[in-house]
Amino acid sequence: MITGDRIEVRGIDTVGFTAAIAPGSSGSPVFDSRGRVRAVATFGGGRGVPIEALVPLLDSAESYPATKAGAEWRLRIRRSLFTVLAVGPIAWFLARRSGRNAPVSTALRWSIGAVVATLLLTQAQFAMSGPAHFL
């Protein structure tokens, strides 16, 4: 049976219930007296996350990569796009200003070189300290 007490555990709103929970039972549904699922058992000591609080948590979790490799590739792509967006226009402008005949190809060469350098630095960062959690 679900009790009325609500407390925050690790930043998550939880409800109490009277059923005993054994180790390994996390994720089990917690039913009310009518047989409706009202919470999910997550913390020991008769604590669970109410369904209304669980939906936003699940929605936010879907935006995270499922694996470390997925997170690393996402970071590589994000940094590469940022590099192209930053270097490309500057290289094009400088090539036009210096009077080169093909500013687009110059900007493309500079962008490719900058992306390669960015990927090498990112790979070195992974090798030295594990995955990064910023831009």
C-alpha atoms as a PDB file:
ATOM      1  CA  MET A   1       0.000   0.000   0.000  1.00  0.00           C
ATOM      2  CA  ILE A   2       1.250   3.468  -0.840  1.00  0.00           C
ATOM      3  CA  THR A   3       1.669   5.807   2.110  1.00  0.00           C
ATOM      4  CA  GLY A   4       1.161   9.537   1.815  1.00  0.00           C
ATOM      5  CA  ASP A   5       4.710  10.547   2.698  1.00  0.00           C
ATOM      6  CA  ARG A   6       6.778  12.116  -0.059  1.00  0.00           C
ATOM      7  CA  ILE A   7      10.440  12.934   0.307  1.00  0.00           C
ATOM      8  CA  GLU A   8      13.202  13.825  -2.100  1.00  0.00           C
ATOM      9  CA  VAL A   9      15.965  11.238  -2.558  1.00  0.00           C
ATOM     10  CA  ARG A  10      18.977  12.180  -4.708  1.00  0.00           C
ATOM     11  CA  GLY A  11      16.985  15.020  -6.252  1.00  0.00           C
ATOM     12  CA  ILE A  12      14.027  12.791  -7.199  1.00  0.00           C
ATOM     13  CA  ASP A  13      10.560  13.029  -5.652  1.00  0.00           C
ATOM     14  CA  THR A  14       9.662   9.668  -4.081  1.00  0.00           C
ATOM     15  CA  VAL A  15       6.661   8.103  -2.362  1.00  0.00           C
ATOM     16  CA  GLY A  16       6.628   5.570   0.416  1.00  0.00           C
ATOM     17  CA  PHE A  17       4.952   2.171   0.348  1.00  0.00           C
ATOM     18  CA  THR A  18       4.460  -0.600   2.859  1.00  0.00           C
ATOM     19  CA  ALA A  19       5.494  -3.609   0.770  1.00  0.00           C
ATOM     20  CA  ALA A  20       8.893  -5.121   1.491  1.00  0.00           C
ATOM     21  CA  ILE A  21      11.411  -4.718  -1.304  1.00  0.00           C
ATOM     22  CA  ALA A  22      14.236  -7.183  -1.761  1.00  0.00           C
ATOM     23  CA  PRO A  23      17.555  -6.416  -3.461  1.00  0.00           C
ATOM     24  CA  GLY A  24      17.130  -6.785  -7.211  1.00  0.00           C
ATOM     25  CA  SER A  25      13.467  -5.756  -7.147  1.00  0.00           C
ATOM     26  CA  SER A  26      14.124  -2.245  -8.445  1.00  0.00           C
ATOM     27  CA  GLY A  27      11.938  -1.446 -11.402  1.00  0.00           C
ATOM     28  CA  SER A  28       9.020  -3.488 -10.094  1.00  0.00           C
ATOM     29  CA  PRO A  29       5.598  -1.819 -10.223  1.00  0.00           C
ATOM     30  CA  VAL A  30       3.980  -0.610  -7.008  1.00  0.00           C
ATOM     31  CA  PHE A  31       0.193  -1.016  -7.087  1.00  0.00           C
ATOM     32  CA  ASP A  32      -2.492   0.846  -5.177  1.00  0.00           C
ATOM     33  CA  SER A  33      -5.491  -0.852  -3.530  1.00  0.00           C
ATOM     34  CA  ARG A  34      -7.391  -0.855  -6.870  1.00  0.00           C
ATOM     35  CA  GLY A  35      -4.580  -2.630  -8.721  1.00  0.00           C
ATOM     36  CA  ARG A  36      -3.323   0.435 -10.636  1.00  0.00           C
ATOM     37  CA  VAL A  37       0.388   1.070 -11.019  1.00  0.00           C
ATOM     38  CA  ARG A  38       1.196   4.159  -8.977  1.00  0.00           C
ATOM     39  CA  ALA A  39       4.987   4.021  -8.666  1.00  0.00           C
ATOM     40  CA  VAL A  40       8.102   2.093  -9.553  1.00  0.00           C
ATOM     41  CA  ALA A  41      10.219   0.618  -6.762  1.00  0.00           C
ATOM     42  CA  THR A  42      13.632   2.207  -7.014  1.00  0.00           C
ATOM     43  CA  PHE A  43      15.151   2.847  -3.617  1.00  0.00           C
ATOM     44  CA  GLY A  44      15.395   0.432  -0.713  1.00  0.00           C
ATOM     45  CA  GLY A  45      13.403   1.009   2.447  1.00  0.00           C
ATOM     46  CA  GLY A  46       9.997   1.171   0.800  1.00  0.00           C
ATOM     47  CA  ARG A  47      10.624   4.114  -1.524  1.00  0.00           C
ATOM     48  CA  GLY A  48       9.593   4.449  -5.139  1.00  0.00           C
ATOM     49  CA  VAL A  49       9.285   7.013  -7.905  1.00  0.00           C
ATOM     50  CA  PRO A  50       5.665   7.977  -8.606  1.00  0.00           C
ATOM     51  CA  ILE A  51       4.472   7.502 -12.177  1.00  0.00           C
ATOM     52  CA  GLU A  52       3.863  11.232 -12.706  1.00  0.00           C
ATOM     53  CA  ALA A  53       7.506  11.946 -11.794  1.00  0.00           C
ATOM     54  CA  LEU A  54       8.854   9.012 -13.805  1.00  0.00           C
ATOM     55  CA  VAL A  55       7.611  10.138 -17.239  1.00  0.00           C
ATOM     56  CA  PRO A  56       9.766  13.329 -17.358  1.00  0.00           C
ATOM     57  CA  LEU A  57      12.789  11.325 -16.142  1.00  0.00           C
ATOM     58  CA  LEU A  58      12.330   8.796 -18.955  1.00  0.00           C
ATOM     59  CA  ASP A  59      11.839  11.538 -21.546  1.00  0.00           C
ATOM     60  CA  SER A  60      15.069  13.260 -20.513  1.00  0.00           C
ATOM     61  CA  ALA A  61      16.978   9.948 -20.441  1.00  0.00           C
ATOM     62  CA  GLU A  62      16.112   9.265 -24.096  1.00  0.00           C
ATOM     63  CA  SER A  63      18.270  12.199 -25.196  1.00  0.00           C
ATOM     64  CA  TYR A  64      21.432  10.629 -23.729  1.00  0.00           C
ATOM     65  CA  PRO A  65      23.541   8.180 -25.737  1.00  0.00           C
ATOM     66  CA  ALA A  66      23.218   4.594 -24.568  1.00  0.00           C
ATOM     67  CA  THR A  67      26.958   3.808 -24.584  1.00  0.00           C
ATOM     68  CA  LYS A  68      30.302   5.445 -23.925  1.00  0.00           C
ATOM     69  CA  ALA A  69      31.213   4.965 -27.591  1.00  0.00           C
ATOM     70  CA  GLY A  70      27.961   6.680 -28.599  1.00  0.00           C
ATOM     71  CA  ALA A  71      28.759   9.633 -26.354  1.00  0.00           C
ATOM     72  CA  GLU A  72      32.267   9.894 -27.797  1.00  0.00           C
ATOM     73  CA  TRP A  73      31.005   9.858 -31.402  1.00  0.00           C
ATOM     74  CA  ARG A  74      28.383  12.445 -30.561  1.00  0.00           C
ATOM     75  CA  LEU A  75      31.108  14.667 -29.112  1.00  0.00           C
ATOM     76  CA  ARG A  76      33.320  14.181 -32.187  1.00  0.00           C
ATOM     77  CA  ILE A  77      30.472  15.168 -34.511  1.00  0.00           C
ATOM     78  CA  ARG A  78      29.530  18.188 -32.402  1.00  0.00           C
ATOM     79  CA  ARG A  79      33.120  19.443 -32.274  1.00  0.00           C
ATOM     80  CA  SER A  80      33.621  18.850 -36.011  1.00  0.00           C
ATOM     81  CA  LEU A  81      30.501  20.826 -36.913  1.00  0.00           C
ATOM     82  CA  PHE A  82      31.504  23.637 -34.587  1.00  0.00           C
ATOM     83  CA  THR A  83      34.968  23.722 -36.182  1.00  0.00           C
ATOM     84  CA  VAL A  84      33.575  23.917 -39.729  1.00  0.00           C
ATOM     85  CA  LEU A  85      31.144  26.660 -38.729  1.00  0.00           C
ATOM     86  CA  ALA A  86      33.920  28.653 -37.061  1.00  0.00           C
ATOM     87  CA  VAL A  87      36.817  28.109 -39.494  1.00  0.00           C
ATOM     88  CA  GLY A  88      34.997  27.972 -42.851  1.00  0.00           C
ATOM     89  CA  PRO A  89      33.660  31.537 -42.992  1.00  0.00           C
ATOM     90  CA  ILE A  90      36.884  33.008 -41.608  1.00  0.00           C
ATOM     91  CA  ALA A  91      39.013  31.130 -44.153  1.00  0.00           C
ATOM     92  CA  TRP A  92      36.672  32.193 -46.989  1.00  0.00           C
ATOM     93  CA  PHE A  93      36.825  35.835 -45.881  1.00  0.00           C
ATOM     94  CA  LEU A  94      40.631  35.825 -45.626  1.00  0.00           C
ATOM     95  CA  ALA A  95      40.970  34.102 -49.029  1.00  0.00           C
ATOM     96  CA  ARG A  96      38.703  36.716 -50.660  1.00  0.00           C
ATOM     97  CA  ARG A  97      40.547  39.549 -48.969  1.00  0.00           C
ATOM     98  CA  SER A  98      43.940  38.284 -50.143  1.00  0.00           C
ATOM     99  CA  GLY A  99      42.649  38.127 -53.726  1.00  0.00           C
ATOM    100  CA  ARG A 100      42.697  34.370 -54.278  1.00  0.00           C
ATOM    101  CA  ASN A 101      40.706  33.077 -57.226  1.00  0.00           C
ATOM    102  CA  ALA A 102      39.051  30.167 -55.400  1.00  0.00           C
ATOM    103  CA  PRO A 103      38.042  31.257 -51.888  1.00  0.00           C
ATOM    104  CA  VAL A 104      35.583  28.362 -51.521  1.00  0.00           C
ATOM    105  CA  SER A 105      38.212  25.678 -52.126  1.00  0.00           C
ATOM    106  CA  THR A 106      40.609  27.506 -49.792  1.00  0.00           C
ATOM    107  CA  ALA A 107      37.935  27.607 -47.085  1.00  0.00           C
ATOM    108  CA  LEU A 108      37.210  23.909 -47.667  1.00  0.00           C
ATOM    109  CA  ARG A 109      40.896  22.946 -47.320  1.00  0.00           C
ATOM    110  CA  TRP A 110      41.259  24.988 -44.138  1.00  0.00           C
ATOM    111  CA  SER A 111      38.044  23.495 -42.713  1.00  0.00           C
ATOM    112  CA  ILE A 112      39.177  19.936 -43.439  1.00  0.00           C
ATOM    113  CA  GLY A 113      42.537  20.596 -41.809  1.00  0.00           C
ATOM    114  CA  ALA A 114      40.869  22.134 -38.758  1.00  0.00           C
ATOM    115  CA  VAL A 115      38.462  19.183 -38.416  1.00  0.00           C
ATOM    116  CA  VAL A 116      41.347  16.700 -38.614  1.00  0.00           C
ATOM    117  CA  ALA A 117      43.224  18.656 -35.923  1.00  0.00           C
ATOM    118  CA  THR A 118      40.070  18.796 -33.778  1.00  0.00           C
ATOM    119  CA  LEU A 119      39.512  15.043 -34.083  1.00  0.00           C
ATOM    120  CA  LEU A 120      43.151  14.320 -33.211  1.00  0.00           C
ATOM    121  CA  LEU A 121      42.945  16.523 -30.120  1.00  0.00           C
ATOM    122  CA  THR A 122      39.639  14.924 -29.109  1.00  0.00           C
ATOM    123  CA  GLN A 123      41.116  11.442 -29.516  1.00  0.00           C
ATOM    124  CA  ALA A 124      44.119  12.448 -27.410  1.00  0.00           C
ATOM    125  CA  GLN A 125      41.755  13.751 -24.742  1.00  0.00           C
ATOM    126  CA  PHE A 126      39.868  10.426 -24.679  1.00  0.00           C
ATOM    127  CA  ALA A 127      43.140   8.511 -24.437  1.00  0.00           C
ATOM    128  CA  MET A 128      44.394  10.616 -21.515  1.00  0.00           C
ATOM    129  CA  SER A 129      41.309  11.177 -19.402  1.00  0.00           C
ATOM    130  CA  GLY A 130      38.319   9.252 -20.708  1.00  0.00           C
ATOM    131  CA  PRO A 131      35.245  10.779 -22.326  1.00  0.00           C
ATOM    132  CA  ALA A 132      34.678  14.488 -22.024  1.00  0.00           C
ATOM    133  CA  HIS A 133      31.375  15.913 -20.849  1.00  0.00           C
ATOM    134  CA  PHE A 134      31.506  19.306 -22.491  1.00  0.00           C
ATOM    135  CA  LEU A 135      31.355  20.832 -25.979  1.00  0.00           C
END
